Amino acid sequence: MSIVKINALTVPEEQREILEKRFASRAGAVENSDGFEWFELLRPVEGTDQYLVYTRWRDEASFQAWMEGPMKVAHQGGGEGGGERPKPAASGSNVWSFEVIQQAAPKS
């Protein structure tokens, strides 16, 4: 079955809008990657300042290929333009890994 990667990003309140705009502008950055199955950006409602970036992948190899290819290039500024990278919106990040062992969908 699939694997899930959750990146828990600590985002100060004054940086939330910036983070959300950056994710909105990244459309297509992961969707065409081999083995990619799902993405969600989860905004905290109460009790925490952590956003969760949820991705699901066919297998660990697919995730690692994306990390070493498209994601790495995107986070290094794409290698062109020479412009300075913007300051990160998050002040901390933790990546959690899970294997999907059970799943259910709504009944049709």
C-alpha atoms as a PDB file:
ATOM      1  CA  MET A   1       0.000   0.000   0.000  1.00  0.00           C
ATOM      2  CA  SER A   2       0.862   3.683  -0.155  1.00  0.00           C
ATOM      3  CA  ILE A   3       3.043   5.736   2.151  1.00  0.00           C
ATOM      4  CA  VAL A   4       2.126   9.090   3.694  1.00  0.00           C
ATOM      5  CA  LYS A   5       4.487  11.968   4.442  1.00  0.00           C
ATOM      6  CA  ILE A   6       3.273  14.750   6.718  1.00  0.00           C
ATOM      7  CA  ASN A   7       5.385  17.863   7.058  1.00  0.00           C
ATOM      8  CA  ALA A   8       4.394  19.762  10.219  1.00  0.00           C
ATOM      9  CA  LEU A   9       5.317  23.415   9.631  1.00  0.00           C
ATOM     10  CA  THR A  10       5.383  25.862  12.532  1.00  0.00           C
ATOM     11  CA  VAL A  11       4.050  29.120  11.073  1.00  0.00           C
ATOM     12  CA  PRO A  12       3.722  32.339  13.076  1.00  0.00           C
ATOM     13  CA  GLU A  13       0.347  34.029  12.572  1.00  0.00           C
ATOM     14  CA  GLU A  14       1.868  36.949  10.648  1.00  0.00           C
ATOM     15  CA  GLN A  15       3.366  34.497   8.115  1.00  0.00           C
ATOM     16  CA  ARG A  16       0.236  32.389   7.450  1.00  0.00           C
ATOM     17  CA  GLU A  17      -0.975  34.360   4.436  1.00  0.00           C
ATOM     18  CA  ILE A  18       2.508  34.251   2.898  1.00  0.00           C
ATOM     19  CA  LEU A  19       2.734  30.479   3.348  1.00  0.00           C
ATOM     20  CA  GLU A  20      -0.693  29.906   1.821  1.00  0.00           C
ATOM     21  CA  LYS A  21       0.082  32.133  -1.177  1.00  0.00           C
ATOM     22  CA  ARG A  22       3.357  30.293  -1.776  1.00  0.00           C
ATOM     23  CA  PHE A  23       1.594  26.937  -1.775  1.00  0.00           C
ATOM     24  CA  ALA A  24      -1.131  28.289  -4.077  1.00  0.00           C
ATOM     25  CA  SER A  25       1.505  29.481  -6.552  1.00  0.00           C
ATOM     26  CA  ARG A  26       3.230  26.079  -6.610  1.00  0.00           C
ATOM     27  CA  ALA A  27       0.380  24.458  -8.565  1.00  0.00           C
ATOM     28  CA  GLY A  28       1.715  21.504 -10.535  1.00  0.00           C
ATOM     29  CA  ALA A  29       4.943  21.271  -8.549  1.00  0.00           C
ATOM     30  CA  VAL A  30       4.223  17.744  -7.334  1.00  0.00           C
ATOM     31  CA  GLU A  31       1.102  16.598  -9.188  1.00  0.00           C
ATOM     32  CA  ASN A  32       2.961  15.236 -12.222  1.00  0.00           C
ATOM     33  CA  SER A  33       5.579  13.329 -10.210  1.00  0.00           C
ATOM     34  CA  ASP A  34       5.733   9.580 -10.744  1.00  0.00           C
ATOM     35  CA  GLY A  35       4.135   7.774  -7.821  1.00  0.00           C
ATOM     36  CA  PHE A  36       2.381  10.869  -6.422  1.00  0.00           C
ATOM     37  CA  GLU A  37      -1.161  10.133  -5.211  1.00  0.00           C
ATOM     38  CA  TRP A  38      -2.471  13.028  -3.078  1.00  0.00           C
ATOM     39  CA  PHE A  39      -1.693  16.443  -1.555  1.00  0.00           C
ATOM     40  CA  GLU A  40      -3.433  18.540   1.089  1.00  0.00           C
ATOM     41  CA  LEU A  41      -2.372  21.701   2.922  1.00  0.00           C
ATOM     42  CA  LEU A  42      -4.117  21.772   6.303  1.00  0.00           C
ATOM     43  CA  ARG A  43      -4.544  25.123   8.102  1.00  0.00           C
ATOM     44  CA  PRO A  44      -4.696  25.039  11.917  1.00  0.00           C
ATOM     45  CA  VAL A  45      -8.048  26.075  13.341  1.00  0.00           C
ATOM     46  CA  GLU A  46      -7.271  26.222  17.052  1.00  0.00           C
ATOM     47  CA  GLY A  47      -4.730  25.116  19.611  1.00  0.00           C
ATOM     48  CA  THR A  48      -1.640  25.078  17.393  1.00  0.00           C
ATOM     49  CA  ASP A  49       0.407  27.155  14.973  1.00  0.00           C
ATOM     50  CA  GLN A  50       1.355  24.146  12.843  1.00  0.00           C
ATOM     51  CA  TYR A  51       0.211  23.681   9.283  1.00  0.00           C
ATOM     52  CA  LEU A  52       0.269  20.102   8.012  1.00  0.00           C
ATOM     53  CA  VAL A  53       1.404  19.329   4.484  1.00  0.00           C
ATOM     54  CA  TYR A  54      -0.030  15.892   3.673  1.00  0.00           C
ATOM     55  CA  THR A  55       1.242  13.912   0.680  1.00  0.00           C
ATOM     56  CA  ARG A  56       0.570  10.297  -0.259  1.00  0.00           C
ATOM     57  CA  TRP A  57       2.890   8.298  -2.511  1.00  0.00           C
ATOM     58  CA  ARG A  58       2.853   4.897  -4.209  1.00  0.00           C
ATOM     59  CA  ASP A  59       6.049   3.943  -2.347  1.00  0.00           C
ATOM     60  CA  GLU A  60       9.117   5.343  -0.576  1.00  0.00           C
ATOM     61  CA  ALA A  61      11.171   5.236  -3.785  1.00  0.00           C
ATOM     62  CA  SER A  62       8.688   7.581  -5.528  1.00  0.00           C
ATOM     63  CA  PHE A  63       8.874  10.056  -2.651  1.00  0.00           C
ATOM     64  CA  GLN A  64      12.678   9.941  -2.546  1.00  0.00           C
ATOM     65  CA  ALA A  65      12.888  10.470  -6.333  1.00  0.00           C
ATOM     66  CA  TRP A  66      10.725  13.595  -5.984  1.00  0.00           C
ATOM     67  CA  MET A  67      12.802  14.818  -3.018  1.00  0.00           C
ATOM     68  CA  GLU A  68      16.069  14.428  -4.953  1.00  0.00           C
ATOM     69  CA  GLY A  69      14.696  15.852  -8.202  1.00  0.00           C
ATOM     70  CA  PRO A  70      11.865  18.383  -8.563  1.00  0.00           C
ATOM     71  CA  MET A  71      11.563  19.313  -4.886  1.00  0.00           C
ATOM     72  CA  LYS A  72      15.289  19.886  -4.481  1.00  0.00           C
ATOM     73  CA  VAL A  73      15.422  22.074  -7.594  1.00  0.00           C
ATOM     74  CA  ALA A  74      12.387  24.100  -6.440  1.00  0.00           C
ATOM     75  CA  HIS A  75      13.862  24.722  -2.997  1.00  0.00           C
ATOM     76  CA  GLN A  76      17.197  25.793  -4.486  1.00  0.00           C
ATOM     77  CA  GLY A  77      15.487  28.464  -6.559  1.00  0.00           C
ATOM     78  CA  GLY A  78      15.383  26.489  -9.802  1.00  0.00           C
ATOM     79  CA  GLY A  79      18.987  27.273 -10.653  1.00  0.00           C
ATOM     80  CA  GLU A  80      18.189  30.377 -12.680  1.00  0.00           C
ATOM     81  CA  GLY A  81      17.531  34.048 -12.156  1.00  0.00           C
ATOM     82  CA  GLY A  82      20.188  34.593  -9.519  1.00  0.00           C
ATOM     83  CA  GLY A  83      17.629  36.280  -7.268  1.00  0.00           C
ATOM     84  CA  GLU A  84      17.708  35.987  -3.531  1.00  0.00           C
ATOM     85  CA  ARG A  85      15.346  33.358  -2.110  1.00  0.00           C
ATOM     86  CA  PRO A  86      12.544  34.732   0.071  1.00  0.00           C
ATOM     87  CA  LYS A  87      12.699  34.151   3.808  1.00  0.00           C
ATOM     88  CA  PRO A  88      10.891  30.938   4.835  1.00  0.00           C
ATOM     89  CA  ALA A  89       7.363  31.492   6.152  1.00  0.00           C
ATOM     90  CA  ALA A  90       7.737  28.583   8.591  1.00  0.00           C
ATOM     91  CA  SER A  91       9.983  28.789  11.623  1.00  0.00           C
ATOM     92  CA  GLY A  92      10.252  25.008  12.033  1.00  0.00           C
ATOM     93  CA  SER A  93       9.531  21.754  10.220  1.00  0.00           C
ATOM     94  CA  ASN A  94       9.165  18.081  11.145  1.00  0.00           C
ATOM     95  CA  VAL A  95       8.480  15.317   8.613  1.00  0.00           C
ATOM     96  CA  TRP A  96       6.475  12.314   9.773  1.00  0.00           C
ATOM     97  CA  SER A  97       6.312   9.084   7.741  1.00  0.00           C
ATOM     98  CA  PHE A  98       3.535   6.497   7.796  1.00  0.00           C
ATOM     99  CA  GLU A  99       2.575   3.353   5.904  1.00  0.00           C
ATOM    100  CA  VAL A 100      -1.076   3.025   4.940  1.00  0.00           C
ATOM    101  CA  ILE A 101      -2.237  -0.275   6.388  1.00  0.00           C
ATOM    102  CA  GLN A 102      -6.007   0.238   6.195  1.00  0.00           C
ATOM    103  CA  GLN A 103      -8.177   2.583   4.227  1.00  0.00           C
ATOM    104  CA  ALA A 104     -11.851   3.167   3.476  1.00  0.00           C
ATOM    105  CA  ALA A 105     -13.820   5.323   1.092  1.00  0.00           C
ATOM    106  CA  PRO A 106     -17.463   6.410   1.214  1.00  0.00           C
ATOM    107  CA  LYS A 107     -19.876   3.792  -0.080  1.00  0.00           C
ATOM    108  CA  SER A 108     -21.391   4.742  -3.437  1.00  0.00           C
END
